[in-house]
Amino acid sequence: MRELTVGEIGFVGGGAEQCTSDQGSNNYGGVTDTGSLGDDLIEIYEGLVQATSYVIERVAKALG
C-alpha cells in the first residue's frame, strides 16, 4: 500500500482544505444524492430480473 499524494488527499477529502458544514453534501462522481441513486439502481436491477424472467419463460414455453 502506498501513501497518497497531496492531490489525491484533496480529491478524497472533497477537494477542500477543511471540511465544514457549509460545503454541502459529498459529491460522488457528480452524484450528490446517493439515496436516490441507490433506489434507481435497485429499480434498474429489478427491471432486468423481470425482463430475464420473461425471456426464460417464453423460451421454456416455446421448447415445451
PDB file of N, CA and C in Angstrom:
ATOM      1  N   MET A   1       0.854  -1.169   0.000  1.00  0.00           N
ATOM      2  CA  MET A   1       0.000   0.000   0.000  1.00  0.00           C
ATOM      3  C   MET A   1       0.901   1.234   0.000  1.00  0.00           C
ATOM      4  N   ARG A   2       0.558   2.224  -0.799  1.00  0.00           N
ATOM      5  CA  ARG A   2       1.390   3.424  -0.879  1.00  0.00           C
ATOM      6  C   ARG A   2       0.698   4.601  -0.207  1.00  0.00           C
ATOM      7  N   GLU A   3       1.473   5.630   0.076  1.00  0.00           N
ATOM      8  CA  GLU A   3       0.904   6.848   0.661  1.00  0.00           C
ATOM      9  C   GLU A   3       0.262   7.680  -0.439  1.00  0.00           C
ATOM     10  N   LEU A   4      -0.774   8.426  -0.082  1.00  0.00           N
ATOM     11  CA  LEU A   4      -1.463   9.287  -1.039  1.00  0.00           C
ATOM     12  C   LEU A   4      -0.658  10.558  -1.270  1.00  0.00           C
ATOM     13  N   THR A   5      -0.771  11.085  -2.500  1.00  0.00           N
ATOM     14  CA  THR A   5      -0.149  12.371  -2.796  1.00  0.00           C
ATOM     15  C   THR A   5      -1.059  13.479  -2.280  1.00  0.00           C
ATOM     16  N   VAL A   6      -0.538  14.713  -2.283  1.00  0.00           N
ATOM     17  CA  VAL A   6      -1.338  15.850  -1.815  1.00  0.00           C
ATOM     18  C   VAL A   6      -2.582  16.019  -2.678  1.00  0.00           C
ATOM     19  N   GLY A   7      -2.461  15.842  -3.986  1.00  0.00           N
ATOM     20  CA  GLY A   7      -3.610  15.954  -4.882  1.00  0.00           C
ATOM     21  C   GLY A   7      -4.650  14.883  -4.619  1.00  0.00           C
ATOM     22  N   GLU A   8      -4.195  13.655  -4.340  1.00  0.00           N
ATOM     23  CA  GLU A   8      -5.121  12.566  -4.043  1.00  0.00           C
ATOM     24  C   GLU A   8      -5.840  12.796  -2.720  1.00  0.00           C
ATOM     25  N   ILE A   9      -5.123  13.343  -1.750  1.00  0.00           N
ATOM     26  CA  ILE A   9      -5.748  13.638  -0.454  1.00  0.00           C
ATOM     27  C   ILE A   9      -6.848  14.677  -0.631  1.00  0.00           C
ATOM     28  N   GLY A  10      -6.598  15.689  -1.438  1.00  0.00           N
ATOM     29  CA  GLY A  10      -7.616  16.704  -1.710  1.00  0.00           C
ATOM     30  C   GLY A  10      -8.824  16.118  -2.406  1.00  0.00           C
ATOM     31  N   PHE A  11      -8.593  15.206  -3.341  1.00  0.00           N
ATOM     32  CA  PHE A  11      -9.707  14.573  -4.059  1.00  0.00           C
ATOM     33  C   PHE A  11     -10.536  13.712  -3.118  1.00  0.00           C
ATOM     34  N   VAL A  12      -9.871  12.899  -2.316  1.00  0.00           N
ATOM     35  CA  VAL A  12     -10.571  12.011  -1.391  1.00  0.00           C
ATOM     36  C   VAL A  12     -11.296  12.806  -0.322  1.00  0.00           C
ATOM     37  N   GLY A  13     -10.678  13.897   0.118  1.00  0.00           N
ATOM     38  CA  GLY A  13     -11.262  14.711   1.180  1.00  0.00           C
ATOM     39  C   GLY A  13     -12.304  15.686   0.675  1.00  0.00           C
ATOM     40  N   GLY A  14     -12.651  15.668  -0.590  1.00  0.00           N
ATOM     41  CA  GLY A  14     -13.660  16.564  -1.123  1.00  0.00           C
ATOM     42  C   GLY A  14     -13.071  17.775  -1.817  1.00  0.00           C
ATOM     43  N   GLY A  15     -11.751  17.851  -1.886  1.00  0.00           N
ATOM     44  CA  GLY A  15     -11.092  18.912  -2.629  1.00  0.00           C
ATOM     45  C   GLY A  15     -10.963  20.214  -1.872  1.00  0.00           C
ATOM     46  N   ALA A  16     -11.263  20.242  -0.604  1.00  0.00           N
ATOM     47  CA  ALA A  16     -11.165  21.472   0.175  1.00  0.00           C
ATOM     48  C   ALA A  16     -10.098  21.305   1.258  1.00  0.00           C
ATOM     49  N   GLU A  17      -9.614  22.426   1.733  1.00  0.00           N
ATOM     50  CA  GLU A  17      -8.610  22.409   2.792  1.00  0.00           C
ATOM     51  C   GLU A  17      -9.166  21.817   4.081  1.00  0.00           C
ATOM     52  N   GLN A  18     -10.413  22.129   4.379  1.00  0.00           N
ATOM     53  CA  GLN A  18     -11.040  21.630   5.592  1.00  0.00           C
ATOM     54  C   GLN A  18     -12.499  21.292   5.308  1.00  0.00           C
ATOM     55  N   CYS A  19     -13.050  20.474   6.122  1.00  0.00           N
ATOM     56  CA  CYS A  19     -14.429  20.037   5.938  1.00  0.00           C
ATOM     57  C   CYS A  19     -15.333  20.839   6.862  1.00  0.00           C
ATOM     58  N   THR A  20     -16.255  21.579   6.277  1.00  0.00           N
ATOM     59  CA  THR A  20     -17.184  22.371   7.073  1.00  0.00           C
ATOM     60  C   THR A  20     -18.605  22.058   6.643  1.00  0.00           C
ATOM     61  N   SER A  21     -19.552  22.391   7.477  1.00  0.00           N
ATOM     62  CA  SER A  21     -20.948  22.081   7.170  1.00  0.00           C
ATOM     63  C   SER A  21     -21.508  22.934   6.042  1.00  0.00           C
ATOM     64  N   ASP A  22     -20.895  24.085   5.737  1.00  0.00           N
ATOM     65  CA  ASP A  22     -21.438  24.946   4.679  1.00  0.00           C
ATOM     66  C   ASP A  22     -21.010  24.514   3.285  1.00  0.00           C
ATOM     67  N   GLN A  23     -20.224  23.445   3.178  1.00  0.00           N
ATOM     68  CA  GLN A  23     -19.795  22.958   1.874  1.00  0.00           C
ATOM     69  C   GLN A  23     -20.847  22.077   1.219  1.00  0.00           C
ATOM     70  N   GLY A  24     -21.911  21.773   1.904  1.00  0.00           N
ATOM     71  CA  GLY A  24     -22.960  20.934   1.340  1.00  0.00           C
ATOM     72  C   GLY A  24     -22.640  19.469   1.525  1.00  0.00           C
ATOM     73  N   SER A  25     -23.267  18.646   0.713  1.00  0.00           N
ATOM     74  CA  SER A  25     -23.089  17.206   0.864  1.00  0.00           C
ATOM     75  C   SER A  25     -21.909  16.722   0.042  1.00  0.00           C
ATOM     76  N   ASN A  26     -21.566  15.473   0.217  1.00  0.00           N
ATOM     77  CA  ASN A  26     -20.485  14.859  -0.542  1.00  0.00           C
ATOM     78  C   ASN A  26     -20.886  14.722  -2.000  1.00  0.00           C
ATOM     79  N   ASN A  27     -19.898  14.649  -2.847  1.00  0.00           N
ATOM     80  CA  ASN A  27     -20.111  14.531  -4.275  1.00  0.00           C
ATOM     81  C   ASN A  27     -19.365  13.289  -4.746  1.00  0.00           C
ATOM     82  N   TYR A  28     -20.095  12.273  -5.184  1.00  0.00           N
ATOM     83  CA  TYR A  28     -19.506  11.028  -5.645  1.00  0.00           C
ATOM     84  C   TYR A  28     -19.601  10.971  -7.159  1.00  0.00           C
ATOM     85  N   GLY A  29     -18.565  11.418  -7.835  1.00  0.00           N
ATOM     86  CA  GLY A  29     -18.560  11.407  -9.297  1.00  0.00           C
ATOM     87  C   GLY A  29     -19.685  12.228  -9.893  1.00  0.00           C
ATOM     88  N   GLY A  30     -20.046  13.321  -9.250  1.00  0.00           N
ATOM     89  CA  GLY A  30     -21.118  14.180  -9.732  1.00  0.00           C
ATOM     90  C   GLY A  30     -22.469  13.850  -9.124  1.00  0.00           C
ATOM     91  N   VAL A  31     -22.563  12.773  -8.360  1.00  0.00           N
ATOM     92  CA  VAL A  31     -23.820  12.376  -7.731  1.00  0.00           C
ATOM     93  C   VAL A  31     -23.807  12.870  -6.291  1.00  0.00           C
ATOM     94  N   THR A  32     -24.772  13.708  -5.939  1.00  0.00           N
ATOM     95  CA  THR A  32     -24.822  14.232  -4.582  1.00  0.00           C
ATOM     96  C   THR A  32     -25.919  13.579  -3.756  1.00  0.00           C
ATOM     97  N   ASP A  33     -26.905  12.967  -4.397  1.00  0.00           N
ATOM     98  CA  ASP A  33     -27.993  12.313  -3.680  1.00  0.00           C
ATOM     99  C   ASP A  33     -27.873  10.811  -3.878  1.00  0.00           C
ATOM    100  N   THR A  34     -27.019  10.175  -3.053  1.00  0.00           N
ATOM    101  CA  THR A  34     -26.761   8.751  -3.241  1.00  0.00           C
ATOM    102  C   THR A  34     -27.950   7.886  -2.858  1.00  0.00           C
ATOM    103  N   GLY A  35     -28.828   8.370  -1.982  1.00  0.00           N
ATOM    104  CA  GLY A  35     -30.029   7.597  -1.636  1.00  0.00           C
ATOM    105  C   GLY A  35     -30.906   7.402  -2.848  1.00  0.00           C
ATOM    106  N   SER A  36     -31.092   8.461  -3.603  1.00  0.00           N
ATOM    107  CA  SER A  36     -31.884   8.392  -4.825  1.00  0.00           C
ATOM    108  C   SER A  36     -31.194   7.504  -5.858  1.00  0.00           C
ATOM    109  N   LEU A  37     -29.884   7.612  -5.957  1.00  0.00           N
ATOM    110  CA  LEU A  37     -29.138   6.781  -6.899  1.00  0.00           C
ATOM    111  C   LEU A  37     -29.295   5.310  -6.538  1.00  0.00           C
ATOM    112  N   GLY A  38     -29.220   5.005  -5.254  1.00  0.00           N
ATOM    113  CA  GLY A  38     -29.395   3.620  -4.810  1.00  0.00           C
ATOM    114  C   GLY A  38     -30.759   3.081  -5.185  1.00  0.00           C
ATOM    115  N   ASP A  39     -31.787   3.894  -4.974  1.00  0.00           N
ATOM    116  CA  ASP A  39     -33.153   3.478  -5.340  1.00  0.00           C
ATOM    117  C   ASP A  39     -33.257   3.238  -6.837  1.00  0.00           C
ATOM    118  N   ASP A  40     -32.642   4.121  -7.622  1.00  0.00           N
ATOM    119  CA  ASP A  40     -32.672   3.966  -9.076  1.00  0.00           C
ATOM    120  C   ASP A  40     -31.972   2.686  -9.508  1.00  0.00           C
ATOM    121  N   LEU A  41     -30.828   2.391  -8.894  1.00  0.00           N
ATOM    122  CA  LEU A  41     -30.100   1.174  -9.243  1.00  0.00           C
ATOM    123  C   LEU A  41     -30.905  -0.072  -8.887  1.00  0.00           C
ATOM    124  N   ILE A  42     -31.601  -0.034  -7.763  1.00  0.00           N
ATOM    125  CA  ILE A  42     -32.438  -1.167  -7.362  1.00  0.00           C
ATOM    126  C   ILE A  42     -33.569  -1.363  -8.363  1.00  0.00           C
ATOM    127  N   GLU A  43     -34.188  -0.275  -8.804  1.00  0.00           N
ATOM    128  CA  GLU A  43     -35.272  -0.379  -9.784  1.00  0.00           C
ATOM    129  C   GLU A  43     -34.762  -0.923 -11.122  1.00  0.00           C
ATOM    130  N   ILE A  44     -33.574  -0.485 -11.527  1.00  0.00           N
ATOM    131  CA  ILE A  44     -32.985  -0.995 -12.770  1.00  0.00           C
ATOM    132  C   ILE A  44     -32.724  -2.488 -12.643  1.00  0.00           C
ATOM    133  N   TYR A  45     -32.156  -2.895 -11.512  1.00  0.00           N
ATOM    134  CA  TYR A  45     -31.878  -4.316 -11.271  1.00  0.00           C
ATOM    135  C   TYR A  45     -33.166  -5.138 -11.315  1.00  0.00           C
ATOM    136  N   GLU A  46     -34.203  -4.662 -10.628  1.00  0.00           N
ATOM    137  CA  GLU A  46     -35.469  -5.397 -10.607  1.00  0.00           C
ATOM    138  C   GLU A  46     -36.077  -5.487 -12.003  1.00  0.00           C
ATOM    139  N   GLY A  47     -35.935  -4.430 -12.783  1.00  0.00           N
ATOM    140  CA  GLY A  47     -36.416  -4.464 -14.167  1.00  0.00           C
ATOM    141  C   GLY A  47     -35.667  -5.493 -14.998  1.00  0.00           C
ATOM    142  N   LEU A  48     -34.355  -5.576 -14.812  1.00  0.00           N
ATOM    143  CA  LEU A  48     -33.560  -6.566 -15.529  1.00  0.00           C
ATOM    144  C   LEU A  48     -33.946  -7.984 -15.124  1.00  0.00           C
ATOM    145  N   VAL A  49     -34.218  -8.191 -13.846  1.00  0.00           N
ATOM    146  CA  VAL A  49     -34.641  -9.507 -13.374  1.00  0.00           C
ATOM    147  C   VAL A  49     -35.984  -9.877 -14.003  1.00  0.00           C
ATOM    148  N   GLN A  50     -36.917  -8.944 -14.058  1.00  0.00           N
ATOM    149  CA  GLN A  50     -38.226  -9.221 -14.672  1.00  0.00           C
ATOM    150  C   GLN A  50     -38.086  -9.526 -16.159  1.00  0.00           C
ATOM    151  N   ALA A  51     -37.254  -8.764 -16.855  1.00  0.00           N
ATOM    152  CA  ALA A  51     -37.058  -8.993 -18.291  1.00  0.00           C
ATOM    153  C   ALA A  51     -36.427 -10.355 -18.537  1.00  0.00           C
ATOM    154  N   THR A  52     -35.445 -10.706 -17.725  1.00  0.00           N
ATOM    155  CA  THR A  52     -34.786 -12.010 -17.865  1.00  0.00           C
ATOM    156  C   THR A  52     -35.766 -13.140 -17.590  1.00  0.00           C
ATOM    157  N   SER A  53     -36.579 -12.980 -16.559  1.00  0.00           N
ATOM    158  CA  SER A  53     -37.571 -13.985 -16.224  1.00  0.00           C
ATOM    159  C   SER A  53     -38.568 -14.158 -17.368  1.00  0.00           C
ATOM    160  N   TYR A  54     -38.974 -13.058 -17.972  1.00  0.00           N
ATOM    161  CA  TYR A  54     -39.917 -13.101 -19.089  1.00  0.00           C
ATOM    162  C   TYR A  54     -39.320 -13.869 -20.270  1.00  0.00           C
ATOM    163  N   VAL A  55     -38.058 -13.585 -20.583  1.00  0.00           N
ATOM    164  CA  VAL A  55     -37.403 -14.262 -21.703  1.00  0.00           C
ATOM    165  C   VAL A  55     -37.274 -15.752 -21.424  1.00  0.00           C
ATOM    166  N   ILE A  56     -36.877 -16.100 -20.208  1.00  0.00           N
ATOM    167  CA  ILE A  56     -36.743 -17.515 -19.849  1.00  0.00           C
ATOM    168  C   ILE A  56     -38.083 -18.227 -19.977  1.00  0.00           C
ATOM    169  N   GLU A  57     -39.152 -17.575 -19.503  1.00  0.00           N
ATOM    170  CA  GLU A  57     -40.484 -18.161 -19.588  1.00  0.00           C
ATOM    171  C   GLU A  57     -40.898 -18.376 -21.042  1.00  0.00           C
ATOM    172  N   ARG A  58     -40.665 -17.396 -21.887  1.00  0.00           N
ATOM    173  CA  ARG A  58     -41.039 -17.513 -23.309  1.00  0.00           C
ATOM    174  C   ARG A  58     -40.273 -18.637 -23.994  1.00  0.00           C
ATOM    175  N   VAL A  59     -38.975 -18.746 -23.702  1.00  0.00           N
ATOM    176  CA  VAL A  59     -38.155 -19.805 -24.312  1.00  0.00           C
ATOM    177  C   VAL A  59     -38.614 -21.163 -23.819  1.00  0.00           C
ATOM    178  N   ALA A  60     -38.929 -21.269 -22.516  1.00  0.00           N
ATOM    179  CA  ALA A  60     -39.380 -22.538 -21.963  1.00  0.00           C
ATOM    180  C   ALA A  60     -40.697 -22.977 -22.603  1.00  0.00           C
ATOM    181  N   LYS A  61     -41.613 -22.016 -22.821  1.00  0.00           N
ATOM    182  CA  LYS A  61     -42.898 -22.342 -23.458  1.00  0.00           C
ATOM    183  C   LYS A  61     -42.701 -22.765 -24.921  1.00  0.00           C
ATOM    184  N   ALA A  62     -41.760 -22.102 -25.588  1.00  0.00           N
ATOM    185  CA  ALA A  62     -41.505 -22.407 -26.998  1.00  0.00           C
ATOM    186  C   ALA A  62     -40.877 -23.796 -27.154  1.00  0.00           C
ATOM    187  N   LEU A  63     -40.071 -24.195 -26.201  1.00  0.00           N
ATOM    188  CA  LEU A  63     -39.420 -25.504 -26.278  1.00  0.00           C
ATOM    189  C   LEU A  63     -40.279 -26.619 -25.712  1.00  0.00           C
ATOM    190  N   GLY A  64     -41.270 -26.248 -24.901  1.00  0.00           N
ATOM    191  CA  GLY A  64     -42.093 -27.246 -24.226  1.00  0.00           C
ATOM    192  C   GLY A  64     -43.235 -27.661 -25.047  1.00  0.00           C
TER     193      GLY A  64
END
